[in-house]
């Protein structure tokens, strides 16, 4: 399900609660990346190697320990991960596009506590 949050910007919000554990266990939540209709992360849909870019994630849970980002299968350096003021449930992630990633369309995956998000597609220039 991808309900639109702003029809004028073509930004979509992916349902954060895709899986839950059994009764009595802690819910297992899959993090999701905010993407546009082309499945590119927003607000940064493309970047150069070495650029620090921002993307937004939901479903990351209360603890951001173990938050990692990979671009094209290459680990990215996370510069910041936190909740923007007044936006509970949303996590801002700033990361540096790895120098070793190939140019072109690359999968971006955010993992929290070992649980990966579905991939978004970042164009590396």
PDB file of N, CA and C in Angstrom:
ATOM      1  N   UNK A   1       0.835  -1.174   0.000  1.00  0.00           N
ATOM      2  CA  UNK A   1       0.000   0.000   0.000  1.00  0.00           C
ATOM      3  C   UNK A   1       0.876   1.232   0.000  1.00  0.00           C
ATOM      4  N   UNK A   2       0.622   2.200  -0.896  1.00  0.00           N
ATOM      5  CA  UNK A   2       1.419   3.407  -0.986  1.00  0.00           C
ATOM      6  C   UNK A   2       0.521   4.635  -1.038  1.00  0.00           C
ATOM      7  N   UNK A   3      -0.101   5.021   0.087  1.00  0.00           N
ATOM      8  CA  UNK A   3      -0.937   6.211   0.040  1.00  0.00           C
ATOM      9  C   UNK A   3      -0.101   7.465  -0.166  1.00  0.00           C
ATOM     10  N   UNK A   4      -0.596   8.405  -0.944  1.00  0.00           N
ATOM     11  CA  UNK A   4       0.120   9.644  -1.212  1.00  0.00           C
ATOM     12  C   UNK A   4      -0.002  10.577  -0.021  1.00  0.00           C
ATOM     13  N   UNK A   5       1.128  11.199   0.371  1.00  0.00           N
ATOM     14  CA  UNK A   5       1.070  12.159   1.459  1.00  0.00           C
ATOM     15  C   UNK A   5       0.995  13.590   0.942  1.00  0.00           C
ATOM     16  N   UNK A   6       1.416  13.830  -0.264  1.00  0.00           N
ATOM     17  CA  UNK A   6       1.314  15.161  -0.856  1.00  0.00           C
ATOM     18  C   UNK A   6       1.101  14.986  -2.346  1.00  0.00           C
ATOM     19  N   UNK A   7      -0.126  15.085  -2.826  1.00  0.00           N
ATOM     20  CA  UNK A   7      -0.404  14.822  -4.228  1.00  0.00           C
ATOM     21  C   UNK A   7       0.366  15.724  -5.182  1.00  0.00           C
ATOM     22  N   UNK A   8       0.756  16.918  -4.720  1.00  0.00           N
ATOM     23  CA  UNK A   8       1.462  17.846  -5.597  1.00  0.00           C
ATOM     24  C   UNK A   8       2.930  17.498  -5.782  1.00  0.00           C
ATOM     25  N   UNK A   9       3.508  16.706  -4.881  1.00  0.00           N
ATOM     26  CA  UNK A   9       4.938  16.430  -4.965  1.00  0.00           C
ATOM     27  C   UNK A   9       5.251  15.022  -5.440  1.00  0.00           C
ATOM     28  N   UNK A  10       4.266  14.200  -5.625  1.00  0.00           N
ATOM     29  CA  UNK A  10       4.409  12.800  -6.028  1.00  0.00           C
ATOM     30  C   UNK A  10       5.274  11.993  -5.061  1.00  0.00           C
ATOM     31  N   UNK A  11       5.291  12.398  -3.799  1.00  0.00           N
ATOM     32  CA  UNK A  11       6.008  11.657  -2.770  1.00  0.00           C
ATOM     33  C   UNK A  11       5.060  10.621  -2.192  1.00  0.00           C
ATOM     34  N   UNK A  12       5.557   9.422  -1.987  1.00  0.00           N
ATOM     35  CA  UNK A  12       4.718   8.386  -1.414  1.00  0.00           C
ATOM     36  C   UNK A  12       5.265   7.953  -0.076  1.00  0.00           C
ATOM     37  N   UNK A  13       4.391   7.413   0.734  1.00  0.00           N
ATOM     38  CA  UNK A  13       4.740   6.921   2.052  1.00  0.00           C
ATOM     39  C   UNK A  13       4.476   5.425   2.050  1.00  0.00           C
ATOM     40  N   UNK A  14       5.493   4.649   2.357  1.00  0.00           N
ATOM     41  CA  UNK A  14       5.327   3.203   2.371  1.00  0.00           C
ATOM     42  C   UNK A  14       4.882   2.752   3.756  1.00  0.00           C
ATOM     43  N   UNK A  15       3.941   1.848   3.816  1.00  0.00           N
ATOM     44  CA  UNK A  15       3.410   1.345   5.078  1.00  0.00           C
ATOM     45  C   UNK A  15       4.535   0.791   5.945  1.00  0.00           C
ATOM     46  N   UNK A  16       4.691   1.351   7.139  1.00  0.00           N
ATOM     47  CA  UNK A  16       5.815   0.982   7.999  1.00  0.00           C
ATOM     48  C   UNK A  16       5.622  -0.351   8.694  1.00  0.00           C
ATOM     49  N   UNK A  17       4.396  -0.758   8.925  1.00  0.00           N
ATOM     50  CA  UNK A  17       4.159  -1.939   9.729  1.00  0.00           C
ATOM     51  C   UNK A  17       3.849  -3.141   8.843  1.00  0.00           C
ATOM     52  N   UNK A  18       4.899  -3.776   8.344  1.00  0.00           N
ATOM     53  CA  UNK A  18       4.686  -4.860   7.391  1.00  0.00           C
ATOM     54  C   UNK A  18       4.713  -6.235   8.038  1.00  0.00           C
ATOM     55  N   UNK A  19       5.282  -6.369   9.217  1.00  0.00           N
ATOM     56  CA  UNK A  19       5.303  -7.691   9.847  1.00  0.00           C
ATOM     57  C   UNK A  19       5.337  -7.549  11.361  1.00  0.00           C
ATOM     58  N   UNK A  20       4.711  -8.473  12.047  1.00  0.00           N
ATOM     59  CA  UNK A  20       4.674  -8.464  13.499  1.00  0.00           C
ATOM     60  C   UNK A  20       5.025  -9.848  14.014  1.00  0.00           C
ATOM     61  N   UNK A  21       5.626  -9.883  15.200  1.00  0.00           N
ATOM     62  CA  UNK A  21       5.977 -11.148  15.819  1.00  0.00           C
ATOM     63  C   UNK A  21       4.750 -11.839  16.392  1.00  0.00           C
ATOM     64  N   UNK A  22       4.943 -12.999  17.007  1.00  0.00           N
ATOM     65  CA  UNK A  22       3.836 -13.746  17.589  1.00  0.00           C
ATOM     66  C   UNK A  22       3.347 -13.064  18.864  1.00  0.00           C
ATOM     67  N   UNK A  23       2.183 -13.482  19.332  1.00  0.00           N
ATOM     68  CA  UNK A  23       1.601 -12.894  20.542  1.00  0.00           C
ATOM     69  C   UNK A  23       2.598 -12.970  21.684  1.00  0.00           C
ATOM     70  N   UNK A  24       2.748 -11.866  22.409  1.00  0.00           N
ATOM     71  CA  UNK A  24       3.660 -11.829  23.541  1.00  0.00           C
ATOM     72  C   UNK A  24       5.085 -11.482  23.166  1.00  0.00           C
ATOM     73  N   UNK A  25       5.398 -11.452  21.882  1.00  0.00           N
ATOM     74  CA  UNK A  25       6.754 -11.081  21.477  1.00  0.00           C
ATOM     75  C   UNK A  25       6.779  -9.619  21.066  1.00  0.00           C
ATOM     76  N   UNK A  26       7.958  -9.068  20.997  1.00  0.00           N
ATOM     77  CA  UNK A  26       8.115  -7.691  20.557  1.00  0.00           C
ATOM     78  C   UNK A  26       7.821  -7.623  19.067  1.00  0.00           C
ATOM     79  N   UNK A  27       7.030  -6.631  18.620  1.00  0.00           N
ATOM     80  CA  UNK A  27       6.732  -6.525  17.195  1.00  0.00           C
ATOM     81  C   UNK A  27       8.003  -6.364  16.375  1.00  0.00           C
ATOM     82  N   UNK A  28       8.031  -6.980  15.235  1.00  0.00           N
ATOM     83  CA  UNK A  28       9.129  -6.825  14.286  1.00  0.00           C
ATOM     84  C   UNK A  28       8.647  -5.869  13.207  1.00  0.00           C
ATOM     85  N   UNK A  29       9.277  -4.721  13.101  1.00  0.00           N
ATOM     86  CA  UNK A  29       8.844  -3.703  12.162  1.00  0.00           C
ATOM     87  C   UNK A  29       9.923  -3.510  11.112  1.00  0.00           C
ATOM     88  N   UNK A  30       9.521  -3.452   9.870  1.00  0.00           N
ATOM     89  CA  UNK A  30      10.461  -3.240   8.777  1.00  0.00           C
ATOM     90  C   UNK A  30      10.575  -1.759   8.477  1.00  0.00           C
ATOM     91  N   UNK A  31      11.802  -1.199   8.499  1.00  0.00           N
ATOM     92  CA  UNK A  31      11.935   0.213   8.154  1.00  0.00           C
ATOM     93  C   UNK A  31      11.605   0.439   6.684  1.00  0.00           C
ATOM     94  N   UNK A  32      11.047   1.601   6.378  1.00  0.00           N
ATOM     95  CA  UNK A  32      10.696   1.957   5.005  1.00  0.00           C
ATOM     96  C   UNK A  32      11.275   3.322   4.668  1.00  0.00           C
ATOM     97  N   UNK A  33      11.660   3.499   3.416  1.00  0.00           N
ATOM     98  CA  UNK A  33      12.244   4.737   2.927  1.00  0.00           C
ATOM     99  C   UNK A  33      11.167   5.534   2.199  1.00  0.00           C
ATOM    100  N   UNK A  34      11.117   6.849   2.428  1.00  0.00           N
ATOM    101  CA  UNK A  34      10.226   7.698   1.650  1.00  0.00           C
ATOM    102  C   UNK A  34      10.777   7.774   0.228  1.00  0.00           C
ATOM    103  N   UNK A  35       9.918   7.505  -0.766  1.00  0.00           N
ATOM    104  CA  UNK A  35      10.346   7.496  -2.168  1.00  0.00           C
ATOM    105  C   UNK A  35       9.339   8.261  -3.024  1.00  0.00           C
ATOM    106  N   UNK A  36       9.791   8.648  -4.223  1.00  0.00           N
ATOM    107  CA  UNK A  36       8.854   9.246  -5.171  1.00  0.00           C
ATOM    108  C   UNK A  36       8.278   8.148  -6.060  1.00  0.00           C
ATOM    109  N   UNK A  37       7.504   8.510  -7.066  1.00  0.00           N
ATOM    110  CA  UNK A  37       6.848   7.506  -7.903  1.00  0.00           C
ATOM    111  C   UNK A  37       7.831   6.689  -8.739  1.00  0.00           C
ATOM    112  N   UNK A  38       9.085   7.136  -8.841  1.00  0.00           N
ATOM    113  CA  UNK A  38      10.109   6.379  -9.559  1.00  0.00           C
ATOM    114  C   UNK A  38      10.930   5.503  -8.603  1.00  0.00           C
ATOM    115  N   UNK A  39      10.483   5.373  -7.336  1.00  0.00           N
ATOM    116  CA  UNK A  39      11.156   4.606  -6.288  1.00  0.00           C
ATOM    117  C   UNK A  39      12.519   5.184  -5.920  1.00  0.00           C
ATOM    118  N   UNK A  40      12.729   6.481  -6.162  1.00  0.00           N
ATOM    119  CA  UNK A  40      13.963   7.150  -5.760  1.00  0.00           C
ATOM    120  C   UNK A  40      13.745   7.781  -4.389  1.00  0.00           C
ATOM    121  N   UNK A  41      14.750   7.694  -3.498  1.00  0.00           N
ATOM    122  CA  UNK A  41      14.594   8.286  -2.172  1.00  0.00           C
ATOM    123  C   UNK A  41      14.453   9.805  -2.279  1.00  0.00           C
ATOM    124  N   UNK A  42      13.604  10.372  -1.442  1.00  0.00           N
ATOM    125  CA  UNK A  42      13.433  11.822  -1.427  1.00  0.00           C
ATOM    126  C   UNK A  42      13.904  12.370  -0.085  1.00  0.00           C
ATOM    127  N   UNK A  43      14.464  13.560  -0.024  1.00  0.00           N
ATOM    128  CA  UNK A  43      14.522  14.536  -1.098  1.00  0.00           C
ATOM    129  C   UNK A  43      15.671  14.340  -2.078  1.00  0.00           C
ATOM    130  N   UNK A  44      16.632  13.485  -1.768  1.00  0.00           N
ATOM    131  CA  UNK A  44      17.797  13.301  -2.641  1.00  0.00           C
ATOM    132  C   UNK A  44      17.580  12.119  -3.567  1.00  0.00           C
ATOM    133  N   UNK A  45      17.319  12.364  -4.853  1.00  0.00           N
ATOM    134  CA  UNK A  45      17.085  11.278  -5.802  1.00  0.00           C
ATOM    135  C   UNK A  45      18.344  10.891  -6.555  1.00  0.00           C
ATOM    136  N   UNK A  46      19.336  11.783  -6.543  1.00  0.00           N
ATOM    137  CA  UNK A  46      20.623  11.455  -7.158  1.00  0.00           C
ATOM    138  C   UNK A  46      21.731  12.174  -6.399  1.00  0.00           C
ATOM    139  N   UNK A  47      22.945  11.648  -6.512  1.00  0.00           N
ATOM    140  CA  UNK A  47      24.078  12.215  -5.783  1.00  0.00           C
ATOM    141  C   UNK A  47      25.377  11.735  -6.406  1.00  0.00           C
ATOM    142  N   UNK A  48      26.442  12.447  -6.098  1.00  0.00           N
ATOM    143  CA  UNK A  48      27.788  12.052  -6.531  1.00  0.00           C
ATOM    144  C   UNK A  48      28.445  11.269  -5.400  1.00  0.00           C
ATOM    145  N   UNK A  49      29.425  10.476  -5.751  1.00  0.00           N
ATOM    146  CA  UNK A  49      30.199   9.774  -4.728  1.00  0.00           C
ATOM    147  C   UNK A  49      30.800  10.817  -3.783  1.00  0.00           C
ATOM    148  N   UNK A  50      30.732  10.553  -2.490  1.00  0.00           N
ATOM    149  CA  UNK A  50      31.262  11.473  -1.490  1.00  0.00           C
ATOM    150  C   UNK A  50      30.253  12.489  -0.977  1.00  0.00           C
ATOM    151  N   UNK A  51      29.130  12.680  -1.697  1.00  0.00           N
ATOM    152  CA  UNK A  51      28.097  13.603  -1.231  1.00  0.00           C
ATOM    153  C   UNK A  51      27.454  13.061   0.046  1.00  0.00           C
ATOM    154  N   UNK A  52      27.113  13.968   0.955  1.00  0.00           N
ATOM    155  CA  UNK A  52      26.313  13.598   2.120  1.00  0.00           C
ATOM    156  C   UNK A  52      24.880  13.963   1.779  1.00  0.00           C
ATOM    157  N   UNK A  53      24.009  12.976   1.798  1.00  0.00           N
ATOM    158  CA  UNK A  53      22.617  13.218   1.437  1.00  0.00           C
ATOM    159  C   UNK A  53      21.691  12.829   2.581  1.00  0.00           C
ATOM    160  N   UNK A  54      20.467  13.306   2.490  1.00  0.00           N
ATOM    161  CA  UNK A  54      19.451  13.069   3.507  1.00  0.00           C
ATOM    162  C   UNK A  54      18.346  12.212   2.929  1.00  0.00           C
ATOM    163  N   UNK A  55      17.881  11.275   3.715  1.00  0.00           N
ATOM    164  CA  UNK A  55      16.659  10.564   3.362  1.00  0.00           C
ATOM    165  C   UNK A  55      15.888  10.318   4.633  1.00  0.00           C
ATOM    166  N   UNK A  56      14.607  10.023   4.465  1.00  0.00           N
ATOM    167  CA  UNK A  56      13.714   9.850   5.602  1.00  0.00           C
ATOM    168  C   UNK A  56      13.179   8.430   5.626  1.00  0.00           C
ATOM    169  N   UNK A  57      13.086   7.898   6.838  1.00  0.00           N
ATOM    170  CA  UNK A  57      12.689   6.508   7.043  1.00  0.00           C
ATOM    171  C   UNK A  57      11.609   6.471   8.119  1.00  0.00           C
ATOM    172  N   UNK A  58      10.694   5.554   7.984  1.00  0.00           N
ATOM    173  CA  UNK A  58       9.710   5.309   9.025  1.00  0.00           C
ATOM    174  C   UNK A  58       9.788   3.833   9.396  1.00  0.00           C
ATOM    175  N   UNK A  59       9.247   3.488  10.549  1.00  0.00           N
ATOM    176  CA  UNK A  59       9.262   2.090  10.976  1.00  0.00           C
ATOM    177  C   UNK A  59      10.584   1.648  11.568  1.00  0.00           C
ATOM    178  N   UNK A  60      11.428   2.608  11.971  1.00  0.00           N
ATOM    179  CA  UNK A  60      12.737   2.252  12.514  1.00  0.00           C
ATOM    180  C   UNK A  60      12.673   1.884  13.991  1.00  0.00           C
ATOM    181  N   UNK A  61      11.548   2.158  14.655  1.00  0.00           N
ATOM    182  CA  UNK A  61      11.428   1.840  16.067  1.00  0.00           C
ATOM    183  C   UNK A  61      12.045   2.917  16.938  1.00  0.00           C
ATOM    184  N   UNK A  62      12.047   2.682  18.241  1.00  0.00           N
ATOM    185  CA  UNK A  62      12.512   3.684  19.202  1.00  0.00           C
ATOM    186  C   UNK A  62      14.031   3.757  19.283  1.00  0.00           C
ATOM    187  N   UNK A  63      14.710   2.654  19.075  1.00  0.00           N
ATOM    188  CA  UNK A  63      16.168   2.629  19.171  1.00  0.00           C
ATOM    189  C   UNK A  63      16.777   2.627  17.780  1.00  0.00           C
ATOM    190  N   UNK A  64      17.721   3.512  17.569  1.00  0.00           N
ATOM    191  CA  UNK A  64      18.396   3.579  16.271  1.00  0.00           C
ATOM    192  C   UNK A  64      19.747   2.880  16.314  1.00  0.00           C
ATOM    193  N   UNK A  65      19.992   2.115  17.373  1.00  0.00           N
ATOM    194  CA  UNK A  65      21.248   1.380  17.459  1.00  0.00           C
ATOM    195  C   UNK A  65      21.300   0.362  16.330  1.00  0.00           C
ATOM    196  N   UNK A  66      22.442   0.269  15.715  1.00  0.00           N
ATOM    197  CA  UNK A  66      22.601  -0.689  14.633  1.00  0.00           C
ATOM    198  C   UNK A  66      22.035  -0.203  13.315  1.00  0.00           C
ATOM    199  N   UNK A  67      21.733   1.103  13.183  1.00  0.00           N
ATOM    200  CA  UNK A  67      21.235   1.630  11.915  1.00  0.00           C
ATOM    201  C   UNK A  67      22.396   1.699  10.924  1.00  0.00           C
ATOM    202  N   UNK A  68      22.205   1.075   9.785  1.00  0.00           N
ATOM    203  CA  UNK A  68      23.219   1.107   8.727  1.00  0.00           C
ATOM    204  C   UNK A  68      22.548   1.453   7.409  1.00  0.00           C
ATOM    205  N   UNK A  69      23.365   1.938   6.481  1.00  0.00           N
ATOM    206  CA  UNK A  69      22.899   2.256   5.134  1.00  0.00           C
ATOM    207  C   UNK A  69      23.879   1.636   4.153  1.00  0.00           C
ATOM    208  N   UNK A  70      23.347   1.027   3.106  1.00  0.00           N
ATOM    209  CA  UNK A  70      24.216   0.561   2.022  1.00  0.00           C
ATOM    210  C   UNK A  70      23.705   1.140   0.706  1.00  0.00           C
ATOM    211  N   UNK A  71      24.635   1.451  -0.162  1.00  0.00           N
ATOM    212  CA  UNK A  71      24.322   1.975  -1.490  1.00  0.00           C
ATOM    213  C   UNK A  71      25.002   1.044  -2.487  1.00  0.00           C
ATOM    214  N   UNK A  72      24.215   0.390  -3.314  1.00  0.00           N
ATOM    215  CA  UNK A  72      24.789  -0.554  -4.272  1.00  0.00           C
ATOM    216  C   UNK A  72      25.562  -1.667  -3.603  1.00  0.00           C
ATOM    217  N   UNK A  73      25.146  -2.038  -2.395  1.00  0.00           N
ATOM    218  CA  UNK A  73      25.818  -3.106  -1.660  1.00  0.00           C
ATOM    219  C   UNK A  73      27.065  -2.666  -0.921  1.00  0.00           C
ATOM    220  N   UNK A  74      27.410  -1.382  -0.997  1.00  0.00           N
ATOM    221  CA  UNK A  74      28.593  -0.837  -0.325  1.00  0.00           C
ATOM    222  C   UNK A  74      28.138  -0.064   0.913  1.00  0.00           C
ATOM    223  N   UNK A  75      28.762  -0.345   2.056  1.00  0.00           N
ATOM    224  CA  UNK A  75      28.391   0.335   3.299  1.00  0.00           C
ATOM    225  C   UNK A  75      28.658   1.828   3.185  1.00  0.00           C
ATOM    226  N   UNK A  76      27.665   2.620   3.604  1.00  0.00           N
ATOM    227  CA  UNK A  76      27.793   4.078   3.606  1.00  0.00           C
ATOM    228  C   UNK A  76      28.074   4.546   5.030  1.00  0.00           C
ATOM    229  N   UNK A  77      28.797   5.651   5.148  1.00  0.00           N
ATOM    230  CA  UNK A  77      29.075   6.244   6.445  1.00  0.00           C
ATOM    231  C   UNK A  77      27.873   7.069   6.878  1.00  0.00           C
ATOM    232  N   UNK A  78      27.231   6.658   7.987  1.00  0.00           N
ATOM    233  CA  UNK A  78      26.076   7.389   8.499  1.00  0.00           C
ATOM    234  C   UNK A  78      26.595   8.567   9.312  1.00  0.00           C
ATOM    235  N   UNK A  79      26.236   9.782   8.883  1.00  0.00           N
ATOM    236  CA  UNK A  79      26.672  11.002   9.546  1.00  0.00           C
ATOM    237  C   UNK A  79      25.726  11.400  10.667  1.00  0.00           C
ATOM    238  N   UNK A  80      24.442  11.090  10.487  1.00  0.00           N
ATOM    239  CA  UNK A  80      23.430  11.464  11.472  1.00  0.00           C
ATOM    240  C   UNK A  80      22.213  10.563  11.292  1.00  0.00           C
ATOM    241  N   UNK A  81      21.602  10.191  12.398  1.00  0.00           N
ATOM    242  CA  UNK A  81      20.315   9.489  12.384  1.00  0.00           C
ATOM    243  C   UNK A  81      19.556   9.945  13.612  1.00  0.00           C
ATOM    244  N   UNK A  82      18.399  10.549  13.390  1.00  0.00           N
ATOM    245  CA  UNK A  82      17.618  11.037  14.512  1.00  0.00           C
ATOM    246  C   UNK A  82      16.233  11.463  14.086  1.00  0.00           C
ATOM    247  N   UNK A  83      15.414  11.791  15.062  1.00  0.00           N
ATOM    248  CA  UNK A  83      14.032  12.198  14.824  1.00  0.00           C
ATOM    249  C   UNK A  83      14.008  13.719  14.655  1.00  0.00           C
ATOM    250  N   UNK A  84      13.535  14.211  13.499  1.00  0.00           N
ATOM    251  CA  UNK A  84      13.426  15.661  13.319  1.00  0.00           C
ATOM    252  C   UNK A  84      12.410  16.237  14.302  1.00  0.00           C
ATOM    253  N   UNK A  85      12.647  17.461  14.765  1.00  0.00           N
ATOM    254  CA  UNK A  85      11.764  18.115  15.732  1.00  0.00           C
ATOM    255  C   UNK A  85      10.320  18.110  15.246  1.00  0.00           C
ATOM    256  N   UNK A  86       9.433  17.611  16.087  1.00  0.00           N
ATOM    257  CA  UNK A  86       8.008  17.628  15.798  1.00  0.00           C
ATOM    258  C   UNK A  86       7.526  16.558  14.852  1.00  0.00           C
ATOM    259  N   UNK A  87       8.379  15.621  14.484  1.00  0.00           N
ATOM    260  CA  UNK A  87       7.982  14.587  13.522  1.00  0.00           C
ATOM    261  C   UNK A  87       8.176  13.192  14.105  1.00  0.00           C
ATOM    262  N   UNK A  88       7.467  12.904  15.175  1.00  0.00           N
ATOM    263  CA  UNK A  88       7.565  11.594  15.822  1.00  0.00           C
ATOM    264  C   UNK A  88       7.236  10.492  14.826  1.00  0.00           C
ATOM    265  N   UNK A  89       8.001   9.419  14.865  1.00  0.00           N
ATOM    266  CA  UNK A  89       7.774   8.289  13.969  1.00  0.00           C
ATOM    267  C   UNK A  89       8.578   8.369  12.686  1.00  0.00           C
ATOM    268  N   UNK A  90       9.210   9.504  12.458  1.00  0.00           N
ATOM    269  CA  UNK A  90      10.017   9.697  11.260  1.00  0.00           C
ATOM    270  C   UNK A  90      11.475   9.786  11.676  1.00  0.00           C
ATOM    271  N   UNK A  91      12.369   9.184  10.905  1.00  0.00           N
ATOM    272  CA  UNK A  91      13.801   9.263  11.194  1.00  0.00           C
ATOM    273  C   UNK A  91      14.496   9.900  10.006  1.00  0.00           C
ATOM    274  N   UNK A  92      15.311  10.903  10.289  1.00  0.00           N
ATOM    275  CA  UNK A  92      16.154  11.520   9.267  1.00  0.00           C
ATOM    276  C   UNK A  92      17.498  10.820   9.300  1.00  0.00           C
ATOM    277  N   UNK A  93      17.967  10.388   8.135  1.00  0.00           N
ATOM    278  CA  UNK A  93      19.263   9.727   8.027  1.00  0.00           C
ATOM    279  C   UNK A  93      20.107  10.510   7.031  1.00  0.00           C
ATOM    280  N   UNK A  94      21.260  10.990   7.497  1.00  0.00           N
ATOM    281  CA  UNK A  94      22.225  11.639   6.613  1.00  0.00           C
ATOM    282  C   UNK A  94      23.384  10.667   6.443  1.00  0.00           C
ATOM    283  N   UNK A  95      23.716  10.366   5.207  1.00  0.00           N
ATOM    284  CA  UNK A  95      24.815   9.429   4.961  1.00  0.00           C
ATOM    285  C   UNK A  95      25.635   9.886   3.772  1.00  0.00           C
ATOM    286  N   UNK A  96      26.889   9.420   3.741  1.00  0.00           N
ATOM    287  CA  UNK A  96      27.800   9.771   2.650  1.00  0.00           C
ATOM    288  C   UNK A  96      27.782   8.665   1.610  1.00  0.00           C
ATOM    289  N   UNK A  97      27.583   9.050   0.365  1.00  0.00           N
ATOM    290  CA  UNK A  97      27.594   8.078  -0.726  1.00  0.00           C
ATOM    291  C   UNK A  97      29.017   7.524  -0.820  1.00  0.00           C
ATOM    292  N   UNK A  98      29.180   6.207  -0.730  1.00  0.00           N
ATOM    293  CA  UNK A  98      30.521   5.610  -0.714  1.00  0.00           C
ATOM    294  C   UNK A  98      31.309   5.886  -1.997  1.00  0.00           C
ATOM    295  N   UNK A  99      32.614   6.089  -1.838  1.00  0.00           N
ATOM    296  CA  UNK A  99      33.491   6.339  -2.981  1.00  0.00           C
ATOM    297  C   UNK A  99      33.548   5.126  -3.903  1.00  0.00           C
ATOM    298  N   UNK A 100      33.381   3.925  -3.360  1.00  0.00           N
ATOM    299  CA  UNK A 100      33.527   2.715  -4.145  1.00  0.00           C
ATOM    300  C   UNK A 100      32.283   2.244  -4.874  1.00  0.00           C
ATOM    301  N   UNK A 101      31.203   3.013  -4.817  1.00  0.00           N
ATOM    302  CA  UNK A 101      29.970   2.578  -5.473  1.00  0.00           C
ATOM    303  C   UNK A 101      30.011   2.949  -6.959  1.00  0.00           C
ATOM    304  N   UNK A 102      29.465   2.087  -7.790  1.00  0.00           N
ATOM    305  CA  UNK A 102      29.447   2.326  -9.241  1.00  0.00           C
ATOM    306  C   UNK A 102      28.440   3.420  -9.582  1.00  0.00           C
ATOM    307  N   UNK A 103      28.665   4.085 -10.700  1.00  0.00           N
ATOM    308  CA  UNK A 103      27.723   5.087 -11.204  1.00  0.00           C
ATOM    309  C   UNK A 103      26.474   4.383 -11.723  1.00  0.00           C
ATOM    310  N   UNK A 104      25.370   5.134 -11.759  1.00  0.00           N
ATOM    311  CA  UNK A 104      24.116   4.602 -12.274  1.00  0.00           C
ATOM    312  C   UNK A 104      23.129   4.323 -11.158  1.00  0.00           C
ATOM    313  N   UNK A 105      22.062   3.627 -11.493  1.00  0.00           N
ATOM    314  CA  UNK A 105      20.999   3.313 -10.535  1.00  0.00           C
ATOM    315  C   UNK A 105      21.508   2.286  -9.527  1.00  0.00           C
ATOM    316  N   UNK A 106      21.437   2.647  -8.241  1.00  0.00           N
ATOM    317  CA  UNK A 106      21.932   1.777  -7.179  1.00  0.00           C
ATOM    318  C   UNK A 106      20.881   1.614  -6.090  1.00  0.00           C
ATOM    319  N   UNK A 107      20.793   0.432  -5.548  1.00  0.00           N
ATOM    320  CA  UNK A 107      19.854   0.147  -4.464  1.00  0.00           C
ATOM    321  C   UNK A 107      20.362   0.767  -3.161  1.00  0.00           C
ATOM    322  N   UNK A 108      19.472   1.478  -2.461  1.00  0.00           N
ATOM    323  CA  UNK A 108      19.766   2.019  -1.138  1.00  0.00           C
ATOM    324  C   UNK A 108      18.920   1.235  -0.140  1.00  0.00           C
ATOM    325  N   UNK A 109      19.579   0.691   0.878  1.00  0.00           N
ATOM    326  CA  UNK A 109      18.886  -0.086   1.899  1.00  0.00           C
ATOM    327  C   UNK A 109      19.298   0.450   3.262  1.00  0.00           C
ATOM    328  N   UNK A 110      18.313   0.741   4.090  1.00  0.00           N
ATOM    329  CA  UNK A 110      18.541   1.135   5.478  1.00  0.00           C
ATOM    330  C   UNK A 110      18.181  -0.069   6.336  1.00  0.00           C
ATOM    331  N   UNK A 111      19.089  -0.449   7.220  1.00  0.00           N
ATOM    332  CA  UNK A 111      18.818  -1.553   8.144  1.00  0.00           C
ATOM    333  C   UNK A 111      18.859  -1.023   9.564  1.00  0.00           C
ATOM    334  N   UNK A 112      17.936  -1.488  10.377  1.00  0.00           N
ATOM    335  CA  UNK A 112      17.904  -1.124  11.794  1.00  0.00           C
ATOM    336  C   UNK A 112      17.857  -2.420  12.581  1.00  0.00           C
ATOM    337  N   UNK A 113      18.874  -2.634  13.396  1.00  0.00           N
ATOM    338  CA  UNK A 113      18.927  -3.861  14.188  1.00  0.00           C
ATOM    339  C   UNK A 113      18.946  -5.110  13.329  1.00  0.00           C
ATOM    340  N   UNK A 114      19.522  -5.001  12.126  1.00  0.00           N
ATOM    341  CA  UNK A 114      19.610  -6.144  11.218  1.00  0.00           C
ATOM    342  C   UNK A 114      18.387  -6.346  10.347  1.00  0.00           C
ATOM    343  N   UNK A 115      17.351  -5.518  10.498  1.00  0.00           N
ATOM    344  CA  UNK A 115      16.144  -5.647   9.677  1.00  0.00           C
ATOM    345  C   UNK A 115      16.253  -4.644   8.520  1.00  0.00           C
ATOM    346  N   UNK A 116      16.345  -5.134   7.276  1.00  0.00           N
ATOM    347  CA  UNK A 116      16.522  -4.229   6.135  1.00  0.00           C
ATOM    348  C   UNK A 116      15.206  -3.658   5.622  1.00  0.00           C
ATOM    349  N   UNK A 117      15.301  -2.458   5.071  1.00  0.00           N
ATOM    350  CA  UNK A 117      14.159  -1.855   4.386  1.00  0.00           C
ATOM    351  C   UNK A 117      14.086  -2.415   2.976  1.00  0.00           C
ATOM    352  N   UNK A 118      12.954  -2.260   2.340  1.00  0.00           N
ATOM    353  CA  UNK A 118      12.928  -2.513   0.890  1.00  0.00           C
ATOM    354  C   UNK A 118      13.860  -1.490   0.244  1.00  0.00           C
ATOM    355  N   UNK A 119      14.445  -1.849  -0.865  1.00  0.00           N
ATOM    356  CA  UNK A 119      15.396  -0.963  -1.523  1.00  0.00           C
ATOM    357  C   UNK A 119      14.699   0.194  -2.221  1.00  0.00           C
ATOM    358  N   UNK A 120      15.346   1.357  -2.158  1.00  0.00           N
ATOM    359  CA  UNK A 120      14.981   2.511  -2.979  1.00  0.00           C
ATOM    360  C   UNK A 120      16.103   2.640  -4.001  1.00  0.00           C
ATOM    361  N   UNK A 121      15.877   3.383  -5.065  1.00  0.00           N
ATOM    362  CA  UNK A 121      16.879   3.480  -6.126  1.00  0.00           C
ATOM    363  C   UNK A 121      17.448   4.890  -6.185  1.00  0.00           C
ATOM    364  N   UNK A 122      18.745   5.020  -5.862  1.00  0.00           N
ATOM    365  CA  UNK A 122      19.465   6.280  -5.931  1.00  0.00           C
ATOM    366  C   UNK A 122      20.312   6.279  -7.185  1.00  0.00           C
ATOM    367  N   UNK A 123      20.267   7.348  -7.953  1.00  0.00           N
ATOM    368  CA  UNK A 123      21.129   7.457  -9.128  1.00  0.00           C
ATOM    369  C   UNK A 123      22.445   8.095  -8.702  1.00  0.00           C
ATOM    370  N   UNK A 124      23.529   7.348  -8.862  1.00  0.00           N
ATOM    371  CA  UNK A 124      24.863   7.836  -8.526  1.00  0.00           C
ATOM    372  C   UNK A 124      25.456   8.424  -9.789  1.00  0.00           C
ATOM    373  N   UNK A 125      25.824   9.703  -9.704  1.00  0.00           N
ATOM    374  CA  UNK A 125      26.356  10.423 -10.873  1.00  0.00           C
ATOM    375  C   UNK A 125      27.845  10.257 -10.998  1.00  0.00           C
TER     376      UNK A 125
END
